[in-house]
Amino acid sequence: MQMRRIISSIFLVLALLLLPLTDRAQQPTSDSKPQAPAPAQSPAPKQEPAQQSDQTIKSVVNLVDVLFTVLNRRNKLVPELEKSDFKIWDDKYPQEIRYFSKQSDLPLRIGMLLDTSNSIRDRIKFEQDASINFLFSVLRRNKDEAFVMTFDDEPQIVQAFTGDAGALRDQITKTRAGGGTAIYDAIYEACVKELSHPPRPPGDQPDVVRRVMILISDGEDNLSTHTRSDAIEMAQRTSVVIYTISTSTQWVSLSQTDPSKLGDRKYHLTDGDKILQELAEETGGRAFFPYHVDDLDQSFQDIGDELRNQYSIAYLPTNYVLDGRYHKIRIEVPEHKGYQVRARRGYFARANANVPVTPTPPAGGTIQ
């Protein structure tokens, strides 16, 4: 009995001795620091993605991406060239090609811009027929989309992006002429509001599309608040290729009205025609000077082929400074004499952050 009491006393003493140790293991001491919750309270993890995002933007800002086509002596497309075939210059400085790809069969996003001012009143039917023929020649069902903008005193979207050529035709046939001419405002607004963020292709395909503008006008602007340089710069910064179709017929003589003749038979360019030519050439497109709509049939097919068979080159300019200065781009194919490269002629050295557009990956045609 006495032995049982002694054992109980020993267990009691041990329990009293171990209790403080257990409490100390479960409770923090007065000089211990609560390090576990610190990461959750620290703002560092939240700042880290922003820093990474800033770095990404800076790396994209200096990247110049150029889309272009190559034609042989017979004005036929040359789609089989490789990276090593090309040399590129930024102003007078040779550049290293960082990215190269062949862009074929990409979805098209087309802006159809129709001049509905008083100056083309007698050619409004020509505009309607030319634009409708282009859309039905080039637009592919379930792949390409287009919108229609008219402009006189100001630009107006009459049909938003759609792949339905019939819906586009219905709106085009409703256009009426009247008012002044604001060509540059129309180009600028079409690029910023529509072509800078065109509809994505369906499914899980990459967000890569070809941005195109078809401008049908006499080229005589008298109302725009934006300048011609503003319009060209915005087209270049949004990777928009402009094709222009002149409505002017001042150059036509009675002996030249035969529709069987070629659409580029014009021998005298008006001041408006020269503007249309500049808009096209500065952005990598082409200018057309037809009399009959029939003159354009083959041209439309050629445009569609060009837009689906392009090359893309991207480089980081060695002489790049964000000073707003215009840089000339020159691409050559030294080993192939007679080949013609059709690309935009340059870019403005300005940060993308100052432009109301959404940058895209290099394969989709980023700029600066």
Protein backbone atom coordinates (compact mmCIF):
# COMPACT_ATOMS: atom_id res chain seq x y z
CA MET A 1 0.00 0.00 0.00
CA GLN A 2 2.80 2.30 0.96
CA MET A 3 4.67 1.34 -2.21
CA ARG A 4 1.57 2.29 -4.30
CA ARG A 5 1.51 5.75 -2.69
CA ILE A 6 5.20 6.27 -3.43
CA ILE A 7 4.69 5.41 -7.14
CA SER A 8 1.70 7.76 -7.36
CA SER A 9 3.76 10.56 -5.83
CA ILE A 10 6.57 10.00 -8.32
CA PHE A 11 4.13 10.21 -11.31
CA LEU A 12 2.62 13.39 -9.88
CA VAL A 13 6.03 15.05 -9.57
CA LEU A 14 6.98 14.05 -13.13
CA ALA A 15 3.71 15.44 -14.48
CA LEU A 16 4.31 18.75 -12.73
CA LEU A 17 7.86 18.94 -14.12
CA LEU A 18 6.83 18.15 -17.72
CA LEU A 19 3.85 20.54 -17.86
CA PRO A 20 5.92 23.76 -18.28
CA LEU A 21 7.93 22.16 -21.08
CA THR A 22 4.74 21.28 -22.95
CA ASP A 23 3.36 24.79 -22.54
CA ARG A 24 6.59 26.33 -23.77
CA ALA A 25 6.55 24.13 -26.87
CA GLN A 26 3.00 25.22 -27.76
CA GLN A 27 3.21 28.91 -26.89
CA PRO A 28 5.68 31.47 -28.30
CA THR A 29 8.18 32.94 -25.89
CA SER A 30 8.22 36.64 -25.20
CA ASP A 31 11.27 37.24 -27.40
CA SER A 32 10.15 35.04 -30.31
CA LYS A 33 8.98 36.73 -33.59
CA PRO A 34 5.84 35.62 -35.50
CA GLN A 35 7.69 34.94 -38.76
CA ALA A 36 5.10 32.62 -40.30
CA PRO A 37 2.45 35.25 -41.14
CA ALA A 38 5.04 37.75 -42.39
CA PRO A 39 4.92 36.71 -46.06
CA ALA A 40 1.16 37.13 -46.15
CA GLN A 41 1.45 40.65 -44.67
CA SER A 42 4.38 41.72 -46.83
CA PRO A 43 3.43 43.57 -50.07
CA ALA A 44 6.48 42.22 -51.88
CA PRO A 45 4.68 39.34 -53.66
CA LYS A 46 2.06 41.76 -54.97
CA GLN A 47 4.70 44.09 -56.40
CA GLU A 48 6.64 41.34 -58.10
CA PRO A 49 4.14 40.68 -60.96
CA ALA A 50 3.96 44.43 -61.63
CA GLN A 51 7.74 44.58 -61.91
CA GLN A 52 7.72 41.66 -64.31
CA SER A 53 4.96 43.33 -66.33
CA ASP A 54 6.96 46.58 -66.55
CA GLN A 55 9.99 44.69 -67.78
CA THR A 56 7.90 42.95 -70.44
CA ILE A 57 6.49 46.25 -71.69
CA LYS A 58 9.96 47.76 -71.95
CA SER A 59 11.20 44.83 -73.98
CA VAL A 60 8.25 45.10 -76.40
CA VAL A 61 8.50 48.87 -76.79
CA ASN A 62 11.76 48.73 -78.78
CA LEU A 63 10.74 45.78 -80.95
CA VAL A 64 10.00 46.79 -84.53
CA ASP A 65 7.95 44.25 -86.47
CA VAL A 66 7.53 44.52 -90.23
CA LEU A 67 5.04 42.61 -92.38
CA PHE A 68 5.86 42.47 -96.07
CA THR A 69 5.42 40.63 -99.36
CA VAL A 70 7.97 39.84 -102.04
CA LEU A 71 7.20 39.97 -105.77
CA ASN A 72 9.34 38.83 -108.70
CA ARG A 73 9.87 40.63 -112.01
CA ARG A 74 6.46 39.46 -113.20
CA ASN A 75 4.73 40.80 -110.07
CA LYS A 76 4.09 37.27 -108.85
CA LEU A 77 4.32 36.39 -105.16
CA VAL A 78 7.51 34.76 -103.90
CA PRO A 79 6.55 32.74 -100.78
CA GLU A 80 9.50 30.35 -100.41
CA LEU A 81 12.29 32.64 -99.09
CA GLU A 82 14.06 32.09 -95.77
CA LYS A 83 15.50 34.34 -93.05
CA SER A 84 18.98 34.21 -94.56
CA ASP A 85 17.67 35.71 -97.81
CA PHE A 86 16.85 39.07 -96.22
CA LYS A 87 18.82 42.10 -95.05
CA ILE A 88 17.19 44.98 -93.16
CA TRP A 89 18.27 48.53 -92.40
CA ASP A 90 16.90 51.03 -89.87
CA ASP A 91 17.76 54.41 -91.39
CA LYS A 92 21.35 53.72 -92.53
CA TYR A 93 22.16 51.08 -89.93
CA PRO A 94 22.04 47.32 -90.67
CA GLN A 95 20.02 45.37 -88.12
CA GLU A 96 20.05 41.84 -86.77
CA ILE A 97 16.85 39.93 -87.55
CA ARG A 98 15.65 38.63 -84.18
CA TYR A 99 12.41 36.97 -85.33
CA PHE A 100 11.37 35.67 -88.73
CA SER A 101 8.25 33.84 -89.83
CA LYS A 102 6.12 33.15 -92.87
CA GLN A 103 2.56 34.33 -92.43
CA SER A 104 0.19 32.38 -94.64
CA ASP A 105 -3.55 31.87 -94.69
CA LEU A 106 -4.17 34.12 -91.68
CA PRO A 107 -7.66 35.46 -90.90
CA LEU A 108 -8.28 38.92 -92.35
CA ARG A 109 -9.79 41.85 -90.47
CA ILE A 110 -10.81 44.41 -93.07
CA GLY A 111 -11.90 48.01 -92.69
CA MET A 112 -13.86 49.21 -95.72
CA LEU A 113 -13.76 53.05 -95.76
CA LEU A 114 -16.10 54.77 -98.23
CA ASP A 115 -15.91 58.46 -99.11
CA THR A 116 -19.48 59.78 -99.09
CA SER A 117 -18.69 63.47 -99.50
CA ASN A 118 -20.14 65.75 -102.16
CA SER A 119 -16.96 65.53 -104.23
CA ILE A 120 -17.66 61.91 -105.24
CA ARG A 121 -21.43 62.19 -105.66
CA ASP A 122 -21.32 61.15 -109.34
CA ARG A 123 -19.10 58.14 -108.48
CA ILE A 124 -21.01 56.76 -105.47
CA LYS A 125 -22.29 53.83 -107.53
CA PHE A 126 -18.71 53.00 -108.52
CA GLU A 127 -17.70 53.03 -104.83
CA GLN A 128 -20.54 50.74 -103.86
CA ASP A 129 -19.83 48.25 -106.63
CA ALA A 130 -16.06 48.26 -106.01
CA SER A 131 -16.38 47.69 -102.26
CA ILE A 132 -19.02 44.96 -102.63
CA ASN A 133 -16.97 43.18 -105.28
CA PHE A 134 -13.89 43.31 -103.07
CA LEU A 135 -15.69 41.83 -100.07
CA PHE A 136 -17.26 39.01 -102.07
CA SER A 137 -13.88 38.29 -103.75
CA VAL A 138 -11.74 38.26 -100.61
CA LEU A 139 -13.92 37.53 -97.57
CA ARG A 140 -13.91 33.85 -96.56
CA ARG A 141 -16.87 32.54 -94.60
CA ASN A 142 -16.20 31.68 -90.95
CA LYS A 143 -12.64 33.03 -91.16
CA ASP A 144 -12.47 36.67 -92.28
CA GLU A 145 -14.44 39.66 -90.97
CA ALA A 146 -14.94 43.25 -92.12
CA PHE A 147 -16.60 46.48 -91.05
CA VAL A 148 -17.87 49.42 -93.12
CA MET A 149 -17.14 53.06 -92.29
CA THR A 150 -18.42 56.03 -94.28
CA PHE A 151 -16.95 59.51 -94.00
CA ASP A 152 -17.96 62.98 -95.12
CA ASP A 153 -17.96 65.67 -92.41
CA GLU A 154 -17.01 62.95 -89.92
CA PRO A 155 -16.47 59.17 -89.84
CA GLN A 156 -19.35 56.83 -89.03
CA ILE A 157 -19.45 53.05 -88.58
CA VAL A 158 -22.46 51.80 -90.54
CA GLN A 159 -21.69 48.09 -90.09
CA ALA A 160 -19.58 46.65 -87.28
CA PHE A 161 -17.22 43.70 -87.76
CA THR A 162 -19.02 40.74 -89.29
CA GLY A 163 -18.24 37.78 -91.51
CA ASP A 164 -21.59 38.12 -93.30
CA ALA A 165 -20.85 39.59 -96.74
CA GLY A 166 -24.57 40.02 -97.34
CA ALA A 167 -24.99 42.25 -94.28
CA LEU A 168 -22.01 44.34 -95.39
CA ARG A 169 -23.46 44.67 -98.89
CA ASP A 170 -26.84 45.79 -97.55
CA GLN A 171 -25.25 48.66 -95.61
CA ILE A 172 -22.99 49.68 -98.47
CA THR A 173 -25.92 50.00 -100.89
CA LYS A 174 -27.63 52.41 -98.46
CA THR A 175 -24.78 54.97 -98.55
CA ARG A 176 -25.57 58.46 -99.86
CA ALA A 177 -23.22 61.32 -100.74
CA GLY A 178 -23.18 64.74 -99.06
CA GLY A 179 -20.93 66.96 -96.94
CA GLY A 180 -17.22 67.62 -96.70
CA THR A 181 -14.31 65.17 -96.65
CA ALA A 182 -12.44 64.03 -93.52
CA ILE A 183 -10.19 61.25 -94.84
CA TYR A 184 -7.45 61.48 -92.22
CA ASP A 185 -9.91 61.47 -89.33
CA ALA A 186 -11.54 58.36 -90.81
CA ILE A 187 -8.23 56.48 -91.12
CA TYR A 188 -7.17 57.49 -87.62
CA GLU A 189 -10.47 56.53 -86.02
CA ALA A 190 -10.75 53.24 -87.92
CA CYS A 191 -7.30 52.23 -86.68
CA VAL A 192 -7.82 53.25 -83.06
CA LYS A 193 -11.41 52.15 -82.53
CA GLU A 194 -11.65 49.05 -84.72
CA LEU A 195 -8.41 47.70 -86.20
CA SER A 196 -6.30 48.09 -83.04
CA HIS A 197 -8.37 45.37 -81.35
CA PRO A 198 -10.11 43.32 -84.07
CA PRO A 199 -12.20 40.21 -83.22
CA ARG A 200 -10.17 37.15 -82.29
CA PRO A 201 -10.31 34.06 -84.47
CA PRO A 202 -12.67 31.36 -83.17
CA GLY A 203 -11.50 28.52 -80.95
CA ASP A 204 -8.07 28.23 -79.39
CA GLN A 205 -6.13 29.70 -82.28
CA PRO A 206 -3.49 32.35 -81.51
CA ASP A 207 -4.66 35.93 -81.64
CA VAL A 208 -2.96 36.57 -84.98
CA VAL A 209 -4.88 38.30 -87.75
CA ARG A 210 -4.01 40.48 -90.72
CA ARG A 211 -5.29 44.06 -90.44
CA VAL A 212 -6.29 45.66 -93.73
CA MET A 213 -7.90 48.91 -94.81
CA ILE A 214 -9.55 49.50 -98.20
CA LEU A 215 -9.96 53.23 -98.74
CA ILE A 216 -12.11 54.35 -101.70
CA SER A 217 -11.94 58.10 -102.24
CA ASP A 218 -10.73 60.94 -104.48
CA GLY A 219 -8.10 61.76 -101.84
CA GLU A 220 -9.16 65.38 -101.34
CA ASP A 221 -9.39 66.08 -97.60
CA ASN A 222 -10.81 69.41 -96.41
CA LEU A 223 -12.20 68.82 -92.91
CA SER A 224 -9.95 66.53 -90.85
CA THR A 225 -8.67 67.59 -87.44
CA HIS A 226 -5.87 65.01 -87.75
CA THR A 227 -3.07 65.47 -90.25
CA ARG A 228 -1.97 63.09 -92.97
CA SER A 229 1.10 62.23 -90.86
CA ASP A 230 -1.17 61.41 -87.91
CA ALA A 231 -3.19 59.02 -90.07
CA ILE A 232 -0.13 57.30 -91.53
CA GLU A 233 1.54 56.98 -88.13
CA MET A 234 -1.52 55.43 -86.53
CA ALA A 235 -1.83 52.92 -89.38
CA GLN A 236 1.83 52.00 -88.97
CA ARG A 237 1.56 51.69 -85.19
CA THR A 238 -1.42 49.36 -85.47
CA SER A 239 0.12 47.30 -88.30
CA VAL A 240 -2.61 48.25 -90.77
CA VAL A 241 -1.90 47.91 -94.49
CA ILE A 242 -3.84 50.46 -96.56
CA TYR A 243 -5.00 49.77 -100.11
CA THR A 244 -6.47 52.80 -101.86
CA ILE A 245 -8.82 52.97 -104.84
CA SER A 246 -9.15 56.33 -106.56
CA THR A 247 -12.57 57.57 -107.67
CA SER A 248 -11.05 60.35 -109.76
CA THR A 249 -11.65 60.21 -113.52
CA GLN A 250 -10.07 63.53 -114.52
CA TRP A 251 -7.36 61.66 -116.39
CA VAL A 252 -9.72 59.65 -118.61
CA SER A 253 -10.02 60.51 -122.31
CA LEU A 254 -12.72 59.19 -124.61
CA SER A 255 -10.29 56.69 -126.12
CA GLN A 256 -9.50 55.21 -122.70
CA THR A 257 -12.92 54.03 -121.58
CA ASP A 258 -12.45 50.51 -122.93
CA PRO A 259 -13.00 48.23 -119.90
CA SER A 260 -10.73 45.60 -121.42
CA LYS A 261 -7.67 47.73 -120.63
CA LEU A 262 -5.71 47.40 -117.41
CA GLY A 263 -6.73 49.20 -114.23
CA ASP A 264 -3.36 50.93 -113.80
CA ARG A 265 -3.47 52.76 -117.16
CA LYS A 266 -3.63 56.18 -115.53
CA TYR A 267 -0.90 58.50 -116.77
CA HIS A 268 -1.73 61.67 -114.81
CA LEU A 269 -2.13 61.76 -111.02
CA THR A 270 -4.19 64.50 -109.41
CA ASP A 271 -3.10 65.93 -106.05
CA GLY A 272 -5.68 63.68 -104.37
CA ASP A 273 -4.33 60.66 -106.23
CA LYS A 274 -0.82 61.42 -104.97
CA ILE A 275 -2.16 61.48 -101.42
CA LEU A 276 -3.83 58.10 -101.91
CA GLN A 277 -0.58 56.74 -103.32
CA GLU A 278 1.37 58.00 -100.30
CA LEU A 279 -1.09 56.49 -97.83
CA ALA A 280 -0.74 53.11 -99.52
CA GLU A 281 3.01 53.08 -100.02
CA GLU A 282 3.84 54.29 -96.50
CA THR A 283 1.90 51.38 -95.00
CA GLY A 284 2.94 48.62 -97.42
CA GLY A 285 -0.18 48.60 -99.58
CA ARG A 286 -0.96 49.62 -103.16
CA ALA A 287 -2.90 52.37 -104.91
CA PHE A 288 -5.27 51.64 -107.79
CA PHE A 289 -6.56 54.09 -110.40
CA PRO A 290 -9.40 52.34 -112.25
CA TYR A 291 -12.17 53.70 -114.41
CA HIS A 292 -14.47 50.68 -114.49
CA VAL A 293 -15.10 48.32 -111.60
CA ASP A 294 -14.14 45.53 -113.97
CA ASP A 295 -10.60 46.92 -113.93
CA LEU A 296 -10.36 45.88 -110.28
CA ASP A 297 -11.47 42.26 -110.45
CA GLN A 298 -7.99 40.75 -110.79
CA SER A 299 -6.52 43.36 -108.46
CA PHE A 300 -8.83 42.24 -105.66
CA GLN A 301 -7.74 38.66 -106.10
CA ASP A 302 -4.10 39.76 -106.00
CA ILE A 303 -4.66 41.69 -102.78
CA GLY A 304 -6.24 38.66 -101.13
CA ASP A 305 -3.30 36.47 -102.17
CA GLU A 306 -0.80 39.04 -100.89
CA LEU A 307 -2.43 39.33 -97.50
CA ARG A 308 -2.35 35.56 -97.00
CA ASN A 309 1.27 35.13 -98.09
CA GLN A 310 3.43 37.54 -96.14
CA TYR A 311 6.67 37.47 -94.22
CA SER A 312 7.27 38.90 -90.77
CA ILE A 313 10.61 40.27 -89.55
CA ALA A 314 11.21 41.73 -86.09
CA TYR A 315 14.35 43.43 -84.83
CA LEU A 316 15.62 45.56 -81.93
CA PRO A 317 17.04 48.77 -83.46
CA THR A 318 20.62 49.47 -82.44
CA ASN A 319 19.98 53.21 -82.90
CA TYR A 320 16.65 53.38 -81.07
CA VAL A 321 15.80 56.47 -78.99
CA LEU A 322 12.27 57.40 -77.86
CA ASP A 323 12.48 60.86 -79.43
CA GLY A 324 9.47 60.65 -81.75
CA ARG A 325 11.70 60.76 -84.82
CA TYR A 326 10.71 58.96 -88.01
CA HIS A 327 12.90 55.98 -88.93
CA LYS A 328 13.07 54.66 -92.49
CA ILE A 329 12.98 50.88 -92.97
CA ARG A 330 14.62 49.18 -95.94
CA ILE A 331 14.42 45.45 -96.65
CA GLU A 332 16.42 43.87 -99.45
CA VAL A 333 16.87 40.44 -100.99
CA PRO A 334 20.52 40.73 -102.13
CA GLU A 335 20.85 37.33 -103.80
CA HIS A 336 17.70 37.70 -105.90
CA LYS A 337 17.96 40.51 -108.42
CA GLY A 338 14.69 41.98 -109.56
CA TYR A 339 12.72 40.99 -106.47
CA GLN A 340 10.52 43.74 -105.07
CA VAL A 341 9.75 44.03 -101.35
CA ARG A 342 6.46 45.71 -100.46
CA ALA A 343 6.44 46.88 -96.82
CA ARG A 344 5.73 49.95 -94.76
CA ARG A 345 8.43 52.52 -95.23
CA GLY A 346 9.14 53.35 -91.60
CA TYR A 347 7.92 53.99 -88.07
CA PHE A 348 7.89 56.69 -85.40
CA ALA A 349 10.13 56.10 -82.36
CA ARG A 350 7.52 56.56 -79.67
CA ALA A 351 6.55 54.39 -76.71
CA ASN A 352 3.46 52.21 -77.08
CA ALA A 353 2.25 53.51 -73.73
CA ASN A 354 1.41 56.83 -75.39
CA VAL A 355 -0.83 55.22 -78.00
CA PRO A 356 -4.42 54.14 -77.30
CA VAL A 357 -3.93 50.64 -78.73
CA THR A 358 -3.26 47.20 -77.31
CA PRO A 359 0.20 45.76 -78.09
CA THR A 360 0.26 42.27 -79.63
CA PRO A 361 2.92 39.52 -79.72
CA PRO A 362 5.61 39.73 -82.42
CA ALA A 363 3.91 37.10 -84.60
CA GLY A 364 0.79 39.27 -84.73
CA GLY A 365 2.54 42.33 -86.02
CA THR A 366 3.69 44.52 -83.11
CA ILE A 367 5.40 47.79 -83.73
CA GLN A 368 8.09 49.70 -81.88
